[in-house]
Each structure stands twice: as structure tokens, then as C-alpha cells.
Amino acid sequence: MSGSEAQADVPVVVAGAGPTGMTAALALHARGVDVTILEADPKDRERPGSRAIYVHKDTLRTLENASPGLGHRLVDNGMIWSTRRTLFRGTEVFERTYSTPGGDGDLPHFTSLPQVWTEEYMLDAVEDAGIDVHWGDGVETVDASEDVVRVETKSGEEYHAEYVVGADGAGSTVRKEIGGEFDGTESANSFIIADIAEFEDEDEQLFKERVFHYDHPRVDGRNVLLVPFQGGWRVDIQCKDSDDPQRLTEDDAISELVAETLGEDYRDRVEWVSQYKFKQVIADRMVDDHDRVLLAGESGHLFAPFGARGMNSGVADAEAAASAIAVALNAEVESARAAEITQYGITRLKAAEYNKSAAGQALEYLQGDSYVTRAKKYLAAKAAPYYEPAGEWLDDAPYGPHGGPPVTIGQY
């Protein structure tokens, strides 16, 4: 990176108009900071798949604080399932139904809706706030000095900002421009993810419950997760070593898997399907050498989805970035300014490490084929009818540990 002697003409540039970038912009606006968003995709971009369907309470609270009414809008248009259930080789080993699944606060413990809806409501809030979004013109270069960051877009436009938030996803140009590199692992097994459309007639719909199958007997002993969201179901199938993942995404194969797991009525209701391996990676830095560029969300980390730590952790990053920048902008001493951004980098890197470890524990548990791992699952399943904690352990383990990282900003 090279320095620039130009003066800032905009306080903050946010790269990326996904949930993380829009959260950062809204949180900065709420703190009285002008912000401009640069997005590589056009406004009419297609966003396939339901993706991040589980929105934690802390995320809802962050969005509500940044844009009053936004958190409640997600809740009003999402759904809360009341039952969690786990089966081991076709036999139920755990079931719990909550009389008040959302809790009794002004915002529930969670809501479940397609990410494209979440993004639509967030964009409405961004536009209502008057925040500038430049579509179809992503970041090309980022040059930071002690005083300013020069950003050039693909079209050749230049912006001189006091701070830049890189929320431009896994292939982040901003991360590469500040010399950040990903390090980590990839899951051994492939996974098949499919979105299944729900029936509009409530009498035809399945009971809304999250269900996990260990060694589902009707799909040749594969692990299967079924999660409802507003308007549909997520079906998540763990492939075997001998599987051809691409073959399982073909129409006849995925339709058969859906029919065996959700029921024959859902055979022809597949709306989207994909196969991939989960990456567990973290950038080696979350801020640049001049404490002017901050990474947030998938530009700084990628996790396996267990525990819904992807989008939710990105929102926590964005809120923390906005808070740090707002304080830094008002600092009268350079060391105090830099310290705010440095601290952001430290705390969010620790949070990323925690979330990677938590999601990794779940991934290792699911993929682990050692004698000890298999024996623990089998013995817990046998004990579950007589000892509820054994069943609860089987129910919890595929999602990683409860709680959040040991930092004060952001819980997920």
C-alpha cells in the first residue's frame, strides 16, 4: 500500500452492501457519521438460496438500535419454531417444545426468514436514512496513509475517506489490499443444501420444528438437518466419503432425498440446491497498519454454519466497527484515535477465533469417525430414554457450544 496526501472528502466508505455492510452504514448513520456504500453488484442482483436464515436476538437488537423498527420488521416477517427434535437411526432420542419459544422480551430469542428478505428490509432502512449506495461499482484499490484512505472503484471513481470498512465478502478486495491473508481449513465432507417451498395452505404444512437425524435410515445413513423458515424449509445433508456431491444435487436425486426426509408431498418443491465444503478460515489481521481500514464479516472470517455464526457475527463486527470509528473521529489525540481502531482489531479477531473454534467443534463432531466419537453417540442414544441429559447432548452437539466470544461487543 502507498500513502496519499489528499484530504478526506467523506468520513467513511463501506465496501459491500450485504448484511454486514448495511449494518455498518446504519450504525454509523445512527451515530451521526456520514457514510457511502460501494457495491460491486447491480441493485437488481440475484441472491440465490435462503442462506443465513437464523437471526439471533443480539442481531435483532443491533439492527433495531441502528434503525428503529428494523429489528421488529424482521420479527414480524419471520417465524419462530417451537420444537427441537433429534433422532438417532430413526428413533427419537430428544424432543422439547417451548410454550414461549421466543421468550418474553420486546424482541424474541431469534427469528427465521430468508436472507434475501433480511437484505430487502435492511436496504429499505438504508434508503430511508438517505445513505448513498453506489451500485455496480466495487472497490478496485485501497491506499491508506496515516491521515486518509484513497479508494478507487472499478469505474475509476475516487473517494478519499477517513476510514474504510471492508465488508465485501469472502473474496474481499479490501482484505487483499491491506495485505490480509486467510488461514484455516476446509471440511472433509461435502454438504448438500436445499431450499424447499412450503405450502401456502396451513392445513397442508408440516409442524414447525427443527429436526436433526443422525444416520437417517431412509437416506442410507446420512446425517440430515431440517430447519423451517418463513416460507420454506432448509434441508442440509452431510455427504458420505463415497458420494458424488454433484450427482446428489441433480433433480431426480435431490427430489428423492427431499421426499424421504420431508415427505412425498415435498418431492417437487425444491427451489434451490447447492453442494459445497465448509471453510474455517480467519484473516491474519482485521485492521491495516495505519488503523484506517477495518475488516468485517466474511472479509475477515468464514465459519461452518453450525450455530448460525456467519451473518450474526458479521453484524456484530459491523456494530463494533461503527462504534470504534465514531469514537476515533472525535478523538483529539492521535494515539487515542489509533487505539480505538487497534482495539477493534484485537477484540473482533478474538471473537472470530472463538466462533471458528465453536463451529469447528460441531464440524469435528459431525465428521469425526473415530471409535470414541461413534461410541459416545451410540451410548448416548441408548441412554437417552432413561437419562434426558444424554438426549440433550445429542441434540446440542451438532451446533457447537452455547454462548458467545469473551468480548464485550457482540455476542455471536
Protein backbone atom coordinates (compact mmCIF):
# COMPACT_ATOMS: atom_id res chain seq x y z
CA MET A 1 0.00 0.00 0.00
CA SER A 2 1.10 3.54 -0.68
CA GLY A 3 0.23 6.72 1.15
CA SER A 4 -1.81 9.69 -0.07
CA GLU A 5 -1.57 13.37 0.81
CA ALA A 6 -5.19 14.09 -0.21
CA GLN A 7 -7.67 15.28 2.38
CA ALA A 8 -10.73 13.20 3.20
CA ASP A 9 -13.90 14.23 1.37
CA VAL A 10 -16.13 11.62 3.04
CA PRO A 11 -15.82 10.34 6.60
CA VAL A 12 -16.40 6.64 5.90
CA VAL A 13 -16.61 4.37 2.88
CA VAL A 14 -18.17 0.93 3.33
CA ALA A 15 -17.28 -1.70 0.73
CA GLY A 16 -20.18 -4.10 0.27
CA ALA A 17 -23.98 -3.83 0.53
CA GLY A 18 -24.64 -7.18 2.16
CA PRO A 19 -25.98 -7.51 5.73
CA THR A 20 -22.59 -6.64 7.25
CA GLY A 21 -22.01 -3.58 5.09
CA MET A 22 -25.54 -2.27 5.51
CA THR A 23 -25.34 -2.78 9.28
CA ALA A 24 -22.10 -0.81 9.40
CA ALA A 25 -23.68 2.01 7.38
CA LEU A 26 -26.82 2.14 9.50
CA ALA A 27 -24.85 2.00 12.75
CA LEU A 28 -22.59 4.83 11.58
CA HIS A 29 -25.58 6.91 10.45
CA ALA A 30 -27.20 6.37 13.86
CA ARG A 31 -24.06 7.86 15.41
CA GLY A 32 -24.23 10.91 13.15
CA VAL A 33 -21.46 9.81 10.79
CA ASP A 34 -21.88 10.30 7.03
CA VAL A 35 -21.18 7.13 5.07
CA THR A 36 -21.08 5.98 1.45
CA ILE A 37 -21.56 2.34 0.38
CA LEU A 38 -19.80 0.93 -2.69
CA GLU A 39 -21.24 -2.33 -4.06
CA ALA A 40 -19.81 -4.32 -6.97
CA ASP A 41 -23.13 -5.95 -7.90
CA PRO A 42 -26.02 -4.11 -9.56
CA LYS A 43 -29.06 -3.18 -7.50
CA ASP A 44 -31.17 -5.84 -9.22
CA ARG A 45 -28.64 -8.54 -8.31
CA GLU A 46 -29.92 -12.08 -7.81
CA ARG A 47 -29.18 -13.63 -4.43
CA PRO A 48 -29.89 -17.37 -4.75
CA GLY A 49 -30.75 -19.54 -1.79
CA SER A 50 -32.07 -18.76 1.66
CA ARG A 51 -28.54 -18.66 3.14
CA ALA A 52 -28.48 -17.09 6.65
CA ILE A 53 -31.99 -17.92 7.85
CA TYR A 54 -31.45 -17.73 11.62
CA VAL A 55 -31.23 -14.23 13.11
CA HIS A 56 -30.10 -14.10 16.73
CA LYS A 57 -31.64 -11.75 19.29
CA ASP A 58 -28.40 -9.76 19.59
CA THR A 59 -28.52 -9.15 15.84
CA LEU A 60 -32.14 -8.04 16.04
CA ARG A 61 -31.22 -5.67 18.87
CA THR A 62 -28.30 -4.23 16.92
CA LEU A 63 -30.49 -3.57 13.88
CA GLU A 64 -33.28 -2.11 16.00
CA ASN A 65 -30.84 0.28 17.68
CA ALA A 66 -29.32 1.32 14.36
CA SER A 67 -32.68 1.79 12.62
CA PRO A 68 -35.71 1.83 14.94
CA GLY A 69 -38.34 -0.58 13.66
CA LEU A 70 -35.94 -2.70 11.58
CA GLY A 71 -35.46 -5.46 14.15
CA HIS A 72 -39.20 -5.71 14.68
CA ARG A 73 -39.81 -5.79 10.94
CA LEU A 74 -37.61 -8.90 10.67
CA VAL A 75 -39.51 -10.49 13.54
CA ASP A 76 -42.90 -9.63 12.05
CA ASN A 77 -41.94 -11.21 8.73
CA GLY A 78 -40.02 -14.15 10.13
CA MET A 79 -41.09 -17.18 12.13
CA ILE A 80 -40.23 -18.79 15.44
CA TRP A 81 -40.36 -22.56 15.63
CA SER A 82 -41.31 -24.01 18.97
CA THR A 83 -39.93 -27.57 18.90
CA ARG A 84 -36.46 -29.09 18.61
CA ARG A 85 -36.20 -32.79 17.98
CA THR A 86 -33.37 -35.27 17.40
CA LEU A 87 -33.45 -38.85 16.09
CA PHE A 88 -30.73 -41.49 16.08
CA ARG A 89 -31.03 -44.03 13.27
CA GLY A 90 -34.76 -43.38 13.05
CA THR A 91 -35.52 -43.45 16.79
CA GLU A 92 -36.32 -40.24 18.65
CA VAL A 93 -33.80 -39.52 21.40
CA PHE A 94 -34.78 -35.95 22.31
CA GLU A 95 -37.77 -33.66 21.98
CA ARG A 96 -38.58 -30.36 23.60
CA THR A 97 -41.43 -27.98 22.85
CA TYR A 98 -41.36 -24.47 24.30
CA SER A 99 -44.57 -22.76 25.35
CA THR A 100 -42.94 -19.36 24.75
CA PRO A 101 -40.18 -20.16 22.22
CA GLY A 102 -39.38 -16.52 21.58
CA GLY A 103 -39.09 -15.58 25.25
CA ASP A 104 -40.96 -12.72 26.87
CA GLY A 105 -38.87 -9.68 25.88
CA ASP A 106 -39.69 -6.99 23.33
CA LEU A 107 -37.56 -8.93 20.83
CA PRO A 108 -37.57 -12.74 20.66
CA HIS A 109 -34.59 -15.07 21.07
CA PHE A 110 -34.48 -15.45 17.29
CA THR A 111 -36.43 -15.22 14.08
CA SER A 112 -36.12 -17.30 10.92
CA LEU A 113 -36.52 -15.90 7.42
CA PRO A 114 -34.62 -15.97 4.08
CA GLN A 115 -31.55 -13.75 3.96
CA VAL A 116 -32.85 -12.06 0.82
CA TRP A 117 -35.79 -10.75 2.87
CA THR A 118 -33.43 -9.53 5.59
CA GLU A 119 -31.40 -7.69 2.96
CA GLU A 120 -34.53 -6.18 1.42
CA TYR A 121 -35.67 -4.76 4.75
CA MET A 122 -32.17 -3.50 5.55
CA LEU A 123 -31.93 -1.78 2.16
CA ASP A 124 -35.26 -0.07 2.80
CA ALA A 125 -33.80 1.26 6.06
CA VAL A 126 -30.62 2.39 4.29
CA GLU A 127 -32.63 4.28 1.68
CA ASP A 128 -34.93 5.80 4.32
CA ALA A 129 -31.83 7.06 6.12
CA GLY A 130 -30.61 8.76 2.93
CA ILE A 131 -27.36 6.76 2.83
CA ASP A 132 -25.69 6.82 -0.59
CA VAL A 133 -25.27 3.40 -2.23
CA HIS A 134 -23.26 3.22 -5.45
CA TRP A 135 -24.30 0.02 -7.23
CA GLY A 136 -22.31 -1.85 -9.85
CA ASP A 137 -19.04 -0.17 -8.93
CA GLY A 138 -16.97 -2.17 -6.49
CA VAL A 139 -13.66 -1.31 -4.87
CA GLU A 140 -10.58 -1.77 -7.06
CA THR A 141 -7.77 -0.33 -4.91
CA VAL A 142 -7.32 0.86 -1.33
CA ASP A 143 -4.34 3.06 -0.42
CA ALA A 144 -4.08 4.18 3.20
CA SER A 145 -1.83 6.66 4.95
CA GLU A 146 -1.81 7.99 8.49
CA ASP A 147 -4.46 10.59 7.64
CA VAL A 148 -6.64 9.34 4.80
CA VAL A 149 -7.65 6.34 2.71
CA ARG A 150 -7.87 6.68 -1.06
CA VAL A 151 -10.36 4.28 -2.62
CA GLU A 152 -10.62 3.77 -6.35
CA THR A 153 -13.54 1.86 -7.86
CA LYS A 154 -13.66 -0.31 -10.97
CA SER A 155 -15.16 2.59 -12.94
CA GLY A 156 -12.29 4.87 -11.95
CA GLU A 157 -14.15 6.93 -9.34
CA GLU A 158 -12.04 8.07 -6.39
CA TYR A 159 -13.06 8.58 -2.78
CA HIS A 160 -10.89 9.99 -0.01
CA ALA A 161 -12.16 8.75 3.35
CA GLU A 162 -11.02 8.93 6.92
CA TYR A 163 -11.99 5.26 7.37
CA VAL A 164 -12.96 2.30 5.24
CA VAL A 165 -14.97 -0.71 6.38
CA GLY A 166 -14.28 -3.77 4.24
CA ALA A 167 -17.49 -5.79 4.17
CA ASP A 168 -17.02 -7.09 0.64
CA GLY A 169 -17.24 -10.80 1.35
CA ALA A 170 -15.02 -13.86 1.16
CA GLY A 171 -13.13 -12.66 -1.92
CA SER A 172 -12.62 -9.24 -0.33
CA THR A 173 -10.59 -6.78 -2.38
CA VAL A 174 -10.20 -4.64 0.74
CA ARG A 175 -8.62 -7.53 2.67
CA LYS A 176 -6.16 -8.19 -0.15
CA GLU A 177 -5.32 -4.50 -0.49
CA ILE A 178 -4.27 -4.23 3.17
CA GLY A 179 -2.19 -7.39 2.88
CA GLY A 180 -4.54 -9.64 4.83
CA GLU A 181 -4.50 -13.37 4.18
CA PHE A 182 -6.88 -16.17 5.14
CA ASP A 183 -5.61 -19.18 7.06
CA GLY A 184 -7.56 -22.25 8.12
CA THR A 185 -9.09 -25.50 6.96
CA GLU A 186 -11.90 -26.94 4.88
CA SER A 187 -14.41 -29.62 5.88
CA ALA A 188 -13.54 -33.17 4.88
CA ASN A 189 -17.10 -33.95 3.83
CA SER A 190 -19.25 -32.15 1.30
CA PHE A 191 -22.74 -31.00 2.26
CA ILE A 192 -25.90 -30.68 0.19
CA ILE A 193 -28.06 -27.65 1.00
CA ALA A 194 -31.55 -27.29 -0.45
CA ASP A 195 -34.42 -24.82 -0.05
CA ILE A 196 -37.87 -26.36 -0.14
CA ALA A 197 -41.01 -24.27 -0.67
CA GLU A 198 -43.72 -24.59 1.95
CA PHE A 199 -47.40 -24.94 1.03
CA GLU A 200 -49.45 -21.77 1.33
CA ASP A 201 -52.38 -23.63 2.88
CA GLU A 202 -51.56 -24.00 6.58
CA ASP A 203 -53.53 -27.25 6.73
CA GLU A 204 -51.04 -28.80 4.29
CA GLN A 205 -47.92 -27.60 6.10
CA LEU A 206 -45.67 -29.66 8.32
CA PHE A 207 -45.41 -28.88 12.02
CA LYS A 208 -42.75 -26.20 12.51
CA GLU A 209 -39.86 -27.92 14.26
CA ARG A 210 -36.10 -28.11 13.92
CA VAL A 211 -35.14 -31.76 13.41
CA PHE A 212 -31.73 -33.41 13.30
CA HIS A 213 -31.27 -37.00 12.13
CA TYR A 214 -28.16 -38.98 12.98
CA ASP A 215 -27.63 -41.72 10.37
CA HIS A 216 -31.05 -41.24 8.79
CA PRO A 217 -32.11 -44.78 7.74
CA ARG A 218 -34.20 -43.58 4.80
CA VAL A 219 -31.28 -41.80 3.12
CA ASP A 220 -28.64 -44.51 3.53
CA GLY A 221 -27.44 -43.41 6.94
CA ARG A 222 -26.51 -39.81 6.14
CA ASN A 223 -26.86 -37.06 8.75
CA VAL A 224 -29.76 -34.72 7.94
CA LEU A 225 -30.81 -31.36 9.39
CA LEU A 226 -34.30 -29.94 8.72
CA VAL A 227 -34.95 -26.30 9.67
CA PRO A 228 -38.14 -24.33 8.92
CA PHE A 229 -38.04 -20.68 7.96
CA GLN A 230 -40.75 -18.29 6.84
CA GLY A 231 -41.92 -19.65 3.50
CA GLY A 232 -39.95 -22.86 3.39
CA TRP A 233 -37.58 -25.47 4.76
CA ARG A 234 -33.81 -25.81 4.76
CA VAL A 235 -32.62 -29.37 4.15
CA ASP A 236 -28.95 -29.93 4.98
CA ILE A 237 -27.50 -33.36 4.14
CA GLN A 238 -23.97 -34.48 5.04
CA CYS A 239 -22.41 -36.48 2.21
CA LYS A 240 -20.57 -39.74 2.71
CA ASP A 241 -16.98 -40.15 1.55
CA SER A 242 -18.22 -42.36 -1.27
CA ASP A 243 -20.85 -39.86 -2.50
CA ASP A 244 -20.66 -37.84 -5.69
CA PRO A 245 -21.97 -34.50 -4.31
CA GLN A 246 -22.69 -33.08 -7.75
CA ARG A 247 -24.84 -36.10 -8.59
CA LEU A 248 -26.87 -35.58 -5.39
CA THR A 249 -27.80 -32.06 -6.49
CA GLU A 250 -29.37 -33.26 -9.74
CA ASP A 251 -33.15 -33.01 -9.96
CA ASP A 252 -34.04 -36.67 -9.52
CA ALA A 253 -31.53 -37.27 -6.73
CA ILE A 254 -32.37 -34.22 -4.59
CA SER A 255 -36.11 -34.76 -5.13
CA GLU A 256 -35.74 -38.30 -3.80
CA LEU A 257 -33.75 -37.13 -0.76
CA VAL A 258 -36.38 -34.47 -0.01
CA ALA A 259 -39.24 -36.95 -0.36
CA GLU A 260 -37.54 -39.33 2.08
CA THR A 261 -36.81 -36.65 4.68
CA LEU A 262 -39.72 -34.17 4.48
CA GLY A 263 -42.32 -36.41 2.88
CA GLU A 264 -43.60 -37.30 -0.56
CA ASP A 265 -45.68 -34.10 -0.78
CA TYR A 266 -42.46 -32.07 -0.90
CA ARG A 267 -40.74 -34.05 -3.68
CA ASP A 268 -41.34 -31.42 -6.37
CA ARG A 269 -40.96 -28.31 -4.22
CA VAL A 270 -37.18 -27.86 -4.43
CA GLU A 271 -36.43 -24.20 -5.18
CA TRP A 272 -32.65 -24.16 -4.90
CA VAL A 273 -29.88 -26.66 -4.24
CA SER A 274 -26.11 -26.45 -3.89
CA GLN A 275 -23.20 -28.51 -2.67
CA TYR A 276 -20.02 -27.29 -1.03
CA LYS A 277 -17.45 -27.83 1.68
CA PHE A 278 -17.34 -25.51 4.65
CA LYS A 279 -14.29 -23.34 5.15
CA GLN A 280 -12.97 -22.50 8.61
CA VAL A 281 -10.65 -19.55 7.99
CA ILE A 282 -9.68 -16.26 9.64
CA ALA A 283 -7.73 -13.32 8.24
CA ASP A 284 -4.39 -12.67 9.89
CA ARG A 285 -5.46 -9.07 10.54
CA MET A 286 -8.72 -7.17 10.96
CA VAL A 287 -7.23 -3.67 10.54
CA ASP A 288 -4.49 -2.14 8.39
CA ASP A 289 -1.12 -0.83 9.54
CA HIS A 290 -2.41 2.76 9.75
CA ASP A 291 -5.57 1.96 11.73
CA ARG A 292 -7.74 3.35 8.95
CA VAL A 293 -9.21 0.22 7.31
CA LEU A 294 -11.37 -2.25 9.25
CA LEU A 295 -12.49 -5.68 8.02
CA ALA A 296 -15.92 -7.01 8.99
CA GLY A 297 -17.91 -10.16 8.30
CA GLU A 298 -16.77 -12.62 5.65
CA SER A 299 -13.96 -10.34 4.51
CA GLY A 300 -12.33 -11.26 7.83
CA HIS A 301 -13.57 -14.80 8.54
CA LEU A 302 -15.54 -17.76 7.25
CA PHE A 303 -17.15 -20.34 9.53
CA ALA A 304 -19.05 -23.56 9.15
CA PRO A 305 -22.73 -22.61 9.64
CA PHE A 306 -23.36 -24.62 12.80
CA GLY A 307 -24.70 -22.29 15.48
CA ALA A 308 -25.60 -19.65 12.86
CA ARG A 309 -22.37 -17.74 13.44
CA GLY A 310 -21.89 -16.35 9.92
CA MET A 311 -24.17 -13.38 9.29
CA ASN A 312 -24.73 -12.86 13.02
CA SER A 313 -21.01 -12.45 13.70
CA GLY A 314 -20.74 -10.12 10.70
CA VAL A 315 -23.42 -7.87 12.17
CA ALA A 316 -21.53 -7.85 15.48
CA ASP A 317 -18.34 -6.88 13.63
CA ALA A 318 -20.18 -4.05 11.85
CA GLU A 319 -21.63 -2.65 15.05
CA ALA A 320 -18.21 -2.75 16.74
CA ALA A 321 -16.57 -1.11 13.71
CA ALA A 322 -19.12 1.72 13.70
CA SER A 323 -18.63 2.30 17.42
CA ALA A 324 -14.84 2.37 17.11
CA ILE A 325 -14.90 4.74 14.13
CA ALA A 326 -17.36 7.13 15.76
CA VAL A 327 -15.14 7.42 18.82
CA ALA A 328 -11.98 7.73 16.71
CA LEU A 329 -13.47 10.54 14.62
CA ASN A 330 -13.95 12.60 17.79
CA ALA A 331 -10.54 11.86 19.26
CA GLU A 332 -8.26 14.89 19.71
CA VAL A 333 -5.10 12.87 20.28
CA GLU A 334 -3.67 10.61 17.56
CA SER A 335 -2.74 7.83 19.98
CA ALA A 336 -6.31 7.70 21.30
CA ARG A 337 -7.70 7.61 17.77
CA ALA A 338 -5.44 4.77 16.70
CA ALA A 339 -6.08 2.87 19.93
CA GLU A 340 -9.82 2.67 19.21
CA ILE A 341 -9.22 1.00 15.84
CA THR A 342 -6.46 -1.22 17.17
CA GLN A 343 -8.77 -2.42 19.92
CA TYR A 344 -11.43 -3.22 17.33
CA GLY A 345 -8.95 -5.41 15.52
CA ILE A 346 -7.97 -7.24 18.70
CA THR A 347 -11.48 -7.88 20.02
CA ARG A 348 -13.03 -8.92 16.70
CA LEU A 349 -10.10 -11.20 15.92
CA LYS A 350 -10.64 -12.88 19.29
CA ALA A 351 -14.33 -13.16 18.52
CA ALA A 352 -13.54 -14.72 15.14
CA GLU A 353 -11.19 -17.22 16.77
CA TYR A 354 -13.87 -18.16 19.28
CA ASN A 355 -16.54 -18.60 16.61
CA LYS A 356 -14.22 -20.61 14.40
CA SER A 357 -13.44 -22.91 17.32
CA ALA A 358 -17.12 -23.24 18.27
CA ALA A 359 -18.25 -24.05 14.74
CA GLY A 360 -15.23 -26.31 14.36
CA GLN A 361 -16.22 -28.35 17.39
CA ALA A 362 -19.59 -29.05 15.79
CA LEU A 363 -17.99 -29.85 12.44
CA GLU A 364 -15.49 -32.23 14.02
CA TYR A 365 -18.29 -33.90 15.95
CA LEU A 366 -20.28 -34.47 12.76
CA GLN A 367 -17.33 -35.57 10.64
CA GLY A 368 -15.49 -37.49 13.33
CA ASP A 369 -15.46 -41.18 12.53
CA SER A 370 -13.20 -42.36 15.33
CA TYR A 371 -14.23 -45.26 17.52
CA VAL A 372 -14.54 -42.96 20.55
CA THR A 373 -16.82 -40.46 18.77
CA ARG A 374 -19.05 -43.17 17.34
CA ALA A 375 -19.22 -44.95 20.68
CA LYS A 376 -20.21 -41.77 22.56
CA LYS A 377 -23.07 -41.12 20.13
CA TYR A 378 -24.27 -44.71 20.28
CA LEU A 379 -24.14 -44.93 24.08
CA ALA A 380 -25.87 -41.54 24.47
CA ALA A 381 -28.66 -42.71 22.16
CA LYS A 382 -29.11 -45.87 24.21
CA ALA A 383 -29.19 -43.88 27.47
CA ALA A 384 -31.48 -41.11 26.21
CA PRO A 385 -34.83 -42.81 27.02
CA TYR A 386 -33.74 -43.10 30.67
CA TYR A 387 -31.43 -40.11 31.09
CA GLU A 388 -32.56 -36.84 29.49
CA PRO A 389 -29.12 -35.10 29.55
CA ALA A 390 -27.83 -37.79 27.18
CA GLY A 391 -30.51 -36.90 24.66
CA GLU A 392 -29.95 -33.19 25.16
CA TRP A 393 -26.24 -33.67 24.48
CA LEU A 394 -27.08 -35.39 21.20
CA ASP A 395 -29.43 -32.54 20.34
CA ASP A 396 -26.95 -29.76 21.16
CA ALA A 397 -23.66 -31.13 19.85
CA PRO A 398 -24.22 -30.59 16.09
CA TYR A 399 -24.49 -26.81 16.66
CA GLY A 400 -21.45 -26.18 18.82
CA PRO A 401 -21.28 -24.69 22.32
CA HIS A 402 -23.78 -22.14 23.59
CA GLY A 403 -22.80 -18.57 24.31
CA GLY A 404 -20.57 -16.10 22.57
CA PRO A 405 -16.98 -14.91 22.46
CA PRO A 406 -15.38 -13.47 25.62
CA VAL A 407 -15.58 -9.85 24.44
CA THR A 408 -17.86 -7.03 25.45
CA ILE A 409 -19.04 -6.06 21.95
CA GLY A 410 -21.24 -8.55 20.06
CA GLN A 411 -22.30 -11.94 21.25
CA TYR A 412 -22.14 -14.04 18.10
